[in-house]
N, C-alpha and C. Protein backbone atom coordinates (compact mmCIF):
# COMPACT_ATOMS: atom_id res chain seq x y z
N MET A 1 -15.28 -6.62 -22.49
CA MET A 1 -13.84 -6.32 -22.44
C MET A 1 -13.61 -4.78 -22.60
N ILE A 2 -12.92 -4.20 -21.72
CA ILE A 2 -12.62 -2.70 -21.80
C ILE A 2 -11.12 -2.57 -21.81
N PHE A 3 -10.81 -1.53 -22.38
CA PHE A 3 -9.32 -1.10 -22.52
C PHE A 3 -9.05 0.36 -22.14
N HIS A 4 -8.17 0.71 -21.43
CA HIS A 4 -7.80 2.21 -21.27
C HIS A 4 -6.34 2.36 -21.31
N ARG A 5 -5.86 3.50 -21.85
CA ARG A 5 -4.48 3.79 -21.79
C ARG A 5 -4.15 5.17 -21.41
N GLU A 6 -3.27 5.37 -20.62
CA GLU A 6 -2.96 6.90 -20.02
C GLU A 6 -1.36 6.99 -20.41
N PHE A 7 -1.12 8.14 -20.83
CA PHE A 7 0.52 8.73 -20.85
C PHE A 7 0.79 9.60 -19.57
N ILE A 8 1.62 9.29 -18.85
CA ILE A 8 2.15 10.09 -17.96
C ILE A 8 3.57 10.42 -17.98
N THR A 9 3.95 11.64 -17.30
CA THR A 9 5.38 11.93 -17.14
C THR A 9 5.40 12.24 -15.69
N LEU A 10 6.58 11.53 -15.26
CA LEU A 10 7.08 11.60 -13.74
C LEU A 10 7.97 12.73 -13.71
N ALA A 11 8.19 13.52 -12.53
CA ALA A 11 8.97 14.64 -12.25
C ALA A 11 10.44 13.77 -12.18
N GLN A 12 11.37 14.58 -12.45
CA GLN A 12 12.64 14.00 -12.26
C GLN A 12 12.87 13.40 -10.88
N TYR A 13 13.49 12.43 -10.86
CA TYR A 13 13.88 11.66 -9.54
C TYR A 13 15.33 11.77 -9.42
N LYS A 14 15.95 11.73 -8.22
CA LYS A 14 17.43 11.46 -8.13
C LYS A 14 17.77 10.03 -8.40
N ARG A 15 18.97 9.86 -8.73
CA ARG A 15 19.41 8.56 -8.95
C ARG A 15 18.91 7.66 -7.85
N GLY A 16 18.53 6.24 -8.08
CA GLY A 16 18.09 5.39 -6.92
C GLY A 16 16.79 4.80 -7.35
N PHE A 17 16.34 4.07 -6.29
CA PHE A 17 15.04 3.24 -6.37
C PHE A 17 13.99 3.99 -5.62
N HIS A 18 12.78 4.21 -6.44
CA HIS A 18 11.77 5.12 -5.92
C HIS A 18 10.36 4.51 -6.07
N LEU A 19 9.67 4.47 -4.87
CA LEU A 19 8.21 3.91 -4.92
C LEU A 19 7.55 4.78 -5.77
N ILE A 20 6.60 4.42 -6.80
CA ILE A 20 5.77 5.25 -7.54
C ILE A 20 4.25 4.74 -7.67
N THR A 21 3.86 3.85 -6.83
CA THR A 21 2.53 3.06 -7.00
C THR A 21 1.49 4.06 -6.62
N ALA A 22 1.61 4.93 -5.79
CA ALA A 22 0.71 5.94 -5.58
C ALA A 22 0.46 6.98 -6.79
N GLU A 23 1.53 7.42 -7.28
CA GLU A 23 1.42 8.22 -8.40
C GLU A 23 0.77 7.56 -9.55
N ILE A 24 1.11 6.23 -9.83
CA ILE A 24 0.40 5.57 -10.81
C ILE A 24 -0.99 5.49 -10.79
N VAL A 25 -1.41 5.01 -9.36
CA VAL A 25 -2.92 4.86 -9.21
C VAL A 25 -3.66 6.24 -9.19
N SER A 26 -3.02 7.26 -8.73
CA SER A 26 -3.72 8.67 -8.70
C SER A 26 -3.60 9.11 -10.19
N ALA A 27 -2.86 8.61 -11.10
CA ALA A 27 -2.84 9.30 -12.53
C ALA A 27 -3.75 8.29 -13.30
N PHE A 28 -4.24 7.29 -12.85
CA PHE A 28 -5.14 6.36 -13.75
C PHE A 28 -6.52 6.01 -12.84
N PRO A 29 -7.27 7.00 -12.80
CA PRO A 29 -8.61 6.63 -12.20
C PRO A 29 -9.31 5.69 -12.85
N GLN A 30 -9.08 5.34 -14.17
CA GLN A 30 -9.85 4.42 -14.80
C GLN A 30 -9.87 2.95 -14.21
N LEU A 31 -8.71 2.62 -13.52
CA LEU A 31 -8.61 1.35 -12.66
C LEU A 31 -9.92 1.08 -11.94
N ARG A 32 -10.66 2.12 -11.40
CA ARG A 32 -11.70 1.86 -10.58
C ARG A 32 -12.92 1.31 -11.57
N GLN A 33 -12.82 1.11 -12.78
CA GLN A 33 -13.89 0.73 -13.75
C GLN A 33 -13.69 -0.88 -13.83
N PHE A 34 -12.75 -1.44 -13.31
CA PHE A 34 -12.47 -2.81 -13.68
C PHE A 34 -12.79 -3.71 -12.63
N ALA A 35 -13.63 -4.84 -12.91
CA ALA A 35 -14.08 -5.87 -11.96
C ALA A 35 -12.73 -6.84 -12.05
N THR A 36 -12.19 -7.21 -13.01
CA THR A 36 -10.84 -7.90 -13.01
C THR A 36 -10.12 -7.46 -14.38
N GLY A 37 -8.81 -7.52 -14.15
CA GLY A 37 -7.94 -7.13 -15.48
C GLY A 37 -6.33 -7.31 -15.16
N MET A 38 -5.92 -6.44 -16.07
CA MET A 38 -4.42 -6.42 -15.99
C MET A 38 -3.87 -5.01 -16.31
N LEU A 39 -2.82 -4.46 -15.49
CA LEU A 39 -2.35 -3.10 -15.77
C LEU A 39 -0.88 -3.54 -16.22
N GLN A 40 -0.42 -2.98 -17.27
CA GLN A 40 0.92 -2.90 -17.73
C GLN A 40 1.41 -1.43 -17.68
N VAL A 41 2.58 -1.33 -16.82
CA VAL A 41 3.41 -0.06 -16.69
C VAL A 41 4.61 -0.07 -17.52
N PHE A 42 4.83 0.48 -18.56
CA PHE A 42 5.89 0.64 -19.47
C PHE A 42 6.56 1.99 -19.48
N ILE A 43 7.92 1.66 -19.29
CA ILE A 43 8.71 3.14 -19.19
C ILE A 43 9.39 3.25 -20.62
N GLN A 44 9.26 4.56 -21.24
CA GLN A 44 9.76 4.70 -22.61
C GLN A 44 11.25 5.20 -22.53
N HIS A 45 12.16 4.56 -21.78
CA HIS A 45 13.49 5.22 -21.59
C HIS A 45 14.46 4.02 -21.60
N THR A 46 15.60 4.04 -22.01
CA THR A 46 16.56 3.05 -21.83
C THR A 46 17.70 3.04 -20.90
N SER A 47 17.42 4.05 -19.98
CA SER A 47 18.56 4.24 -18.77
C SER A 47 17.81 4.42 -17.46
N ALA A 48 16.34 3.80 -17.52
CA ALA A 48 15.69 3.91 -16.31
C ALA A 48 14.74 2.60 -16.46
N SER A 49 14.44 2.13 -15.38
CA SER A 49 13.55 0.80 -15.47
C SER A 49 12.52 0.85 -14.51
N LEU A 50 11.72 -0.36 -14.37
CA LEU A 50 10.58 -0.67 -13.50
C LEU A 50 10.77 -1.85 -12.98
N THR A 51 10.37 -2.10 -11.34
CA THR A 51 10.52 -3.38 -11.06
C THR A 51 9.31 -3.24 -9.79
N ILE A 52 9.03 -4.41 -9.29
CA ILE A 52 8.10 -4.48 -8.02
C ILE A 52 8.96 -5.20 -6.87
N ASN A 53 8.75 -4.54 -5.77
CA ASN A 53 9.39 -5.29 -4.59
C ASN A 53 9.16 -4.38 -3.42
N GLU A 54 9.76 -4.58 -2.36
CA GLU A 54 9.47 -3.96 -0.88
C GLU A 54 8.89 -2.54 -0.88
N ASN A 55 7.82 -2.44 -0.30
CA ASN A 55 7.45 -1.13 -0.26
C ASN A 55 7.35 -0.49 1.18
N ALA A 56 7.76 -1.12 2.08
CA ALA A 56 7.74 -0.87 3.59
C ALA A 56 9.04 -0.09 4.08
N ASP A 57 10.20 -0.89 4.01
CA ASP A 57 11.39 -0.36 4.67
C ASP A 57 12.28 0.23 3.52
N PRO A 58 12.55 1.51 3.53
CA PRO A 58 13.39 2.30 2.45
C PRO A 58 14.84 1.91 2.56
N THR A 59 15.18 1.09 3.41
CA THR A 59 16.60 0.69 3.34
C THR A 59 16.73 -0.56 2.21
N VAL A 60 15.77 -1.19 1.85
CA VAL A 60 15.63 -2.13 0.71
C VAL A 60 16.00 -1.33 -0.54
N ARG A 61 15.45 -0.23 -0.63
CA ARG A 61 15.82 0.60 -1.96
C ARG A 61 17.22 1.13 -2.32
N LYS A 62 17.74 1.44 -0.95
CA LYS A 62 19.23 1.86 -0.83
C LYS A 62 20.12 0.60 -1.12
N ASP A 63 19.66 -0.58 -0.54
CA ASP A 63 20.39 -1.76 -0.85
C ASP A 63 20.31 -2.16 -2.27
N PHE A 64 19.38 -1.74 -2.98
CA PHE A 64 19.21 -2.10 -4.51
C PHE A 64 20.19 -1.25 -5.04
N GLU A 65 20.26 0.12 -4.96
CA GLU A 65 21.32 0.92 -5.36
C GLU A 65 22.71 0.65 -5.10
N MET A 66 23.03 0.45 -4.01
CA MET A 66 24.47 -0.21 -3.67
C MET A 66 24.61 -1.47 -4.48
N HIS A 67 23.78 -2.36 -4.44
CA HIS A 67 24.05 -3.67 -5.09
C HIS A 67 24.30 -3.60 -6.76
N PHE A 68 23.42 -2.57 -7.32
CA PHE A 68 23.65 -2.43 -8.76
C PHE A 68 24.96 -1.63 -9.07
N ASN A 69 25.24 -0.76 -8.21
CA ASN A 69 26.32 0.12 -8.34
C ASN A 69 27.73 -0.63 -8.25
N LYS A 70 27.56 -1.47 -7.18
CA LYS A 70 28.63 -2.58 -7.08
C LYS A 70 28.87 -3.65 -8.21
N SER A 71 27.71 -3.97 -8.62
CA SER A 71 27.81 -5.11 -9.55
C SER A 71 28.01 -4.55 -11.04
N ILE A 72 27.66 -3.24 -11.30
CA ILE A 72 27.66 -2.60 -12.57
C ILE A 72 28.49 -1.07 -12.55
N PRO A 73 29.79 -1.27 -12.33
CA PRO A 73 30.39 -0.02 -11.83
C PRO A 73 30.59 1.05 -13.12
N GLU A 74 30.66 2.46 -12.74
CA GLU A 74 30.62 3.09 -13.60
C GLU A 74 32.41 3.37 -13.91
N ASN A 75 32.70 4.11 -15.00
CA ASN A 75 34.16 4.25 -15.45
C ASN A 75 34.95 2.97 -15.78
N ASP A 76 34.10 1.90 -16.10
CA ASP A 76 34.74 0.67 -16.58
C ASP A 76 35.43 0.85 -17.77
N PRO A 77 36.84 0.54 -18.02
CA PRO A 77 37.51 0.99 -19.16
C PRO A 77 36.94 0.13 -20.51
N VAL A 78 36.13 -1.05 -20.30
CA VAL A 78 35.78 -1.86 -21.33
C VAL A 78 34.61 -1.28 -22.20
N TYR A 79 33.78 -0.20 -21.43
CA TYR A 79 32.73 0.42 -22.05
C TYR A 79 33.14 1.27 -23.28
N SER A 80 32.73 1.02 -24.47
CA SER A 80 32.98 1.87 -25.64
C SER A 80 31.82 3.08 -25.62
N HIS A 81 30.65 2.84 -25.08
CA HIS A 81 29.65 3.80 -25.06
C HIS A 81 29.89 4.70 -23.83
N ASP A 82 30.59 5.90 -23.97
CA ASP A 82 31.04 6.50 -22.92
C ASP A 82 30.75 8.18 -23.05
N TYR A 83 30.18 8.49 -24.27
CA TYR A 83 30.14 9.81 -24.51
C TYR A 83 29.04 10.73 -23.89
N GLU A 84 28.08 9.92 -23.37
CA GLU A 84 26.87 10.65 -22.56
C GLU A 84 27.18 10.65 -21.00
N GLY A 85 28.46 10.37 -20.70
CA GLY A 85 28.74 10.39 -19.23
C GLY A 85 29.10 8.98 -18.65
N SER A 86 29.74 8.96 -17.73
CA SER A 86 30.15 7.63 -17.11
C SER A 86 28.99 7.06 -16.55
N ASP A 87 27.93 7.44 -16.25
CA ASP A 87 26.89 6.65 -15.63
C ASP A 87 25.93 6.06 -16.76
N ASP A 88 26.11 6.44 -17.91
CA ASP A 88 25.24 6.10 -19.14
C ASP A 88 25.21 4.74 -19.44
N MET A 89 26.34 4.03 -19.83
CA MET A 89 26.40 2.82 -20.17
C MET A 89 25.86 1.76 -19.14
N PRO A 90 26.37 2.01 -17.61
CA PRO A 90 25.91 1.18 -16.74
C PRO A 90 24.53 1.30 -16.51
N ALA A 91 23.91 2.46 -16.74
CA ALA A 91 22.20 2.91 -16.83
C ALA A 91 21.85 1.91 -17.65
N HIS A 92 22.22 1.90 -18.96
CA HIS A 92 21.53 0.62 -19.86
C HIS A 92 21.63 -0.45 -19.47
N LEU A 93 22.71 -0.95 -19.07
CA LEU A 93 22.81 -2.43 -18.70
C LEU A 93 21.89 -2.74 -17.32
N LYS A 94 21.89 -1.73 -16.34
CA LYS A 94 20.77 -1.86 -15.29
C LYS A 94 19.48 -2.00 -15.84
N ALA A 95 19.07 -1.11 -16.58
CA ALA A 95 17.70 -1.07 -17.23
C ALA A 95 17.47 -2.54 -17.92
N SER A 96 18.38 -2.84 -18.50
CA SER A 96 17.99 -4.15 -19.38
C SER A 96 17.90 -5.53 -18.23
N ILE A 97 18.68 -5.38 -17.25
CA ILE A 97 18.52 -6.40 -16.54
C ILE A 97 17.27 -6.24 -15.67
N LEU A 98 16.71 -5.09 -15.27
CA LEU A 98 15.38 -5.01 -14.46
C LEU A 98 14.32 -5.03 -15.40
N GLY A 99 14.39 -4.37 -16.67
CA GLY A 99 13.19 -4.42 -17.44
C GLY A 99 12.48 -3.22 -17.53
N SER A 100 11.75 -2.96 -18.90
CA SER A 100 11.02 -1.69 -19.08
C SER A 100 9.47 -1.78 -18.88
N SER A 101 9.06 -2.96 -18.15
CA SER A 101 7.55 -2.94 -18.04
C SER A 101 7.42 -3.97 -16.68
N VAL A 102 6.13 -3.53 -15.93
CA VAL A 102 5.60 -4.55 -15.00
C VAL A 102 4.30 -4.68 -15.43
N LEU A 103 3.74 -5.87 -14.99
CA LEU A 103 2.42 -6.34 -15.29
C LEU A 103 1.73 -6.82 -13.90
N ILE A 104 0.53 -6.10 -13.59
CA ILE A 104 -0.13 -6.23 -12.32
C ILE A 104 -1.66 -6.67 -12.42
N PRO A 105 -2.03 -7.79 -11.80
CA PRO A 105 -3.51 -7.93 -11.89
C PRO A 105 -4.37 -6.85 -11.21
N ILE A 106 -5.61 -6.76 -11.67
CA ILE A 106 -6.49 -5.79 -11.10
C ILE A 106 -7.60 -6.52 -10.55
N GLU A 107 -8.25 -6.26 -9.35
CA GLU A 107 -9.40 -6.79 -8.98
C GLU A 107 -10.24 -5.72 -8.21
N ASN A 108 -11.50 -5.91 -8.63
CA ASN A 108 -12.35 -4.68 -8.04
C ASN A 108 -11.99 -3.41 -7.93
N GLY A 109 -11.41 -2.90 -9.10
CA GLY A 109 -11.02 -1.60 -9.22
C GLY A 109 -9.41 -1.16 -8.40
N ARG A 110 -8.73 -2.34 -7.96
CA ARG A 110 -7.53 -2.03 -7.14
C ARG A 110 -6.43 -2.96 -7.92
N LEU A 111 -5.26 -2.47 -7.68
CA LEU A 111 -4.12 -3.46 -8.08
C LEU A 111 -3.93 -4.25 -6.95
N LEU A 112 -3.67 -5.59 -7.54
CA LEU A 112 -3.59 -6.74 -6.65
C LEU A 112 -2.05 -6.91 -6.25
N LEU A 113 -1.41 -6.08 -5.67
CA LEU A 113 -0.09 -6.13 -5.14
C LEU A 113 -0.14 -6.76 -3.86
N GLY A 114 0.97 -7.44 -3.66
CA GLY A 114 1.11 -7.99 -2.14
C GLY A 114 1.28 -6.91 -1.01
N ILE A 115 0.87 -7.21 0.16
CA ILE A 115 0.74 -6.27 1.25
C ILE A 115 2.22 -5.52 1.28
N TRP A 116 3.23 -6.05 1.05
CA TRP A 116 4.55 -5.43 1.02
C TRP A 116 5.20 -5.04 -0.19
N GLN A 117 4.39 -5.36 -1.26
CA GLN A 117 4.97 -4.85 -2.71
C GLN A 117 4.52 -3.50 -3.07
N GLY A 118 5.46 -2.90 -3.84
CA GLY A 118 5.03 -1.52 -4.56
C GLY A 118 6.06 -1.39 -5.83
N ILE A 119 5.57 -0.63 -6.75
CA ILE A 119 6.20 -0.46 -8.04
C ILE A 119 7.37 0.58 -7.78
N TYR A 120 8.40 0.23 -8.40
CA TYR A 120 9.62 1.10 -8.13
C TYR A 120 9.87 1.67 -9.61
N LEU A 121 10.21 2.88 -9.58
CA LEU A 121 11.13 3.67 -10.73
C LEU A 121 12.54 3.44 -10.32
N CYS A 122 13.07 2.87 -11.08
CA CYS A 122 14.77 2.68 -10.95
C CYS A 122 15.51 3.60 -11.93
N GLU A 123 15.87 4.79 -11.14
CA GLU A 123 16.43 5.84 -11.85
C GLU A 123 18.05 5.58 -11.95
N HIS A 124 18.45 5.22 -13.05
CA HIS A 124 20.07 4.87 -12.96
C HIS A 124 20.93 5.75 -13.46
N ARG A 125 20.40 7.00 -13.76
CA ARG A 125 21.14 8.41 -14.14
C ARG A 125 21.25 9.26 -13.18
N ASP A 126 22.39 9.95 -13.10
CA ASP A 126 22.58 11.01 -11.99
C ASP A 126 21.59 12.23 -12.32
N GLU A 127 21.44 12.41 -13.62
CA GLU A 127 20.58 13.47 -14.02
C GLU A 127 19.55 12.90 -15.28
N GLY A 128 18.61 12.10 -14.85
CA GLY A 128 17.85 11.35 -15.79
C GLY A 128 16.67 12.08 -16.55
N GLY A 129 16.38 13.33 -15.92
CA GLY A 129 15.37 14.13 -16.07
C GLY A 129 13.81 13.30 -15.92
N SER A 130 12.95 14.08 -16.50
CA SER A 130 11.58 13.50 -16.17
C SER A 130 11.54 12.12 -17.11
N ARG A 131 10.59 11.24 -16.72
CA ARG A 131 10.52 10.03 -17.35
C ARG A 131 8.95 9.76 -17.75
N LYS A 132 8.77 9.33 -19.08
CA LYS A 132 7.54 8.97 -19.50
C LYS A 132 7.11 7.60 -19.36
N LEU A 133 5.79 7.23 -18.89
CA LEU A 133 5.31 5.95 -18.57
C LEU A 133 3.92 6.03 -19.42
N ILE A 134 3.77 4.58 -19.80
CA ILE A 134 2.43 4.30 -20.59
C ILE A 134 1.72 3.28 -19.75
N LEU A 135 0.44 3.57 -19.19
CA LEU A 135 -0.27 2.72 -18.41
C LEU A 135 -1.19 2.20 -19.23
N SER A 136 -1.30 0.99 -19.45
CA SER A 136 -2.33 0.15 -20.27
C SER A 136 -3.07 -0.97 -19.43
N ALA A 137 -4.41 -0.65 -19.26
CA ALA A 137 -5.25 -1.65 -18.51
C ALA A 137 -6.36 -2.32 -19.40
N TRP A 138 -6.49 -3.58 -19.32
CA TRP A 138 -7.51 -4.13 -20.06
C TRP A 138 -8.20 -5.28 -19.14
N GLY A 139 -9.49 -5.53 -19.38
CA GLY A 139 -10.28 -6.46 -18.84
C GLY A 139 -11.76 -6.45 -18.58
N LEU A 140 -12.34 -7.02 -17.74
CA LEU A 140 -13.73 -6.92 -17.64
C LEU A 140 -14.27 -5.84 -16.72
N PRO A 141 -15.26 -5.11 -17.19
CA PRO A 141 -15.89 -3.91 -16.31
C PRO A 141 -16.49 -4.41 -15.25
N LYS A 142 -16.76 -3.55 -14.19
CA LYS A 142 -17.68 -3.78 -13.28
C LYS A 142 -19.03 -3.46 -13.95
N HIS A 143 -19.95 -4.26 -13.13
CA HIS A 143 -21.38 -4.17 -13.66
C HIS A 143 -21.80 -2.51 -13.67
N GLY A 144 -22.25 -2.11 -14.70
CA GLY A 144 -22.65 -0.86 -15.02
C GLY A 144 -21.64 0.19 -15.39
N GLY A 145 -20.35 -0.39 -15.60
CA GLY A 145 -19.21 0.39 -15.84
C GLY A 145 -18.77 0.10 -17.36
């Protein structure tokens, strides 16, 4: 059994849903050492989240943003937590619904995502800043690795 962990910081993204699969794979070359295993991607923030979904059609990501903004509106007078801006409490709610981590199988040094799947950074703030991720992988090494 082998284990690798990497801490990465993503540059600031605008509000919305963004494919980050290539950034994760690029930042974590240790994936190539695994015959089989699991990769957990964890975001260290409460106003952004991670999910896995459609990687081909960008309108899916636009529709995600539209749906979440419609379902969890800003400037709702029932929110008490509003001193960090009108997008902050809705961002916390959206992040809790989507979650702070994804878990992906690894086989022969590659992520076993479906052909139409990608990892999304879900940025729920207008000015969220850079985002910190922890990449943790464990499993069986390739022979000689």
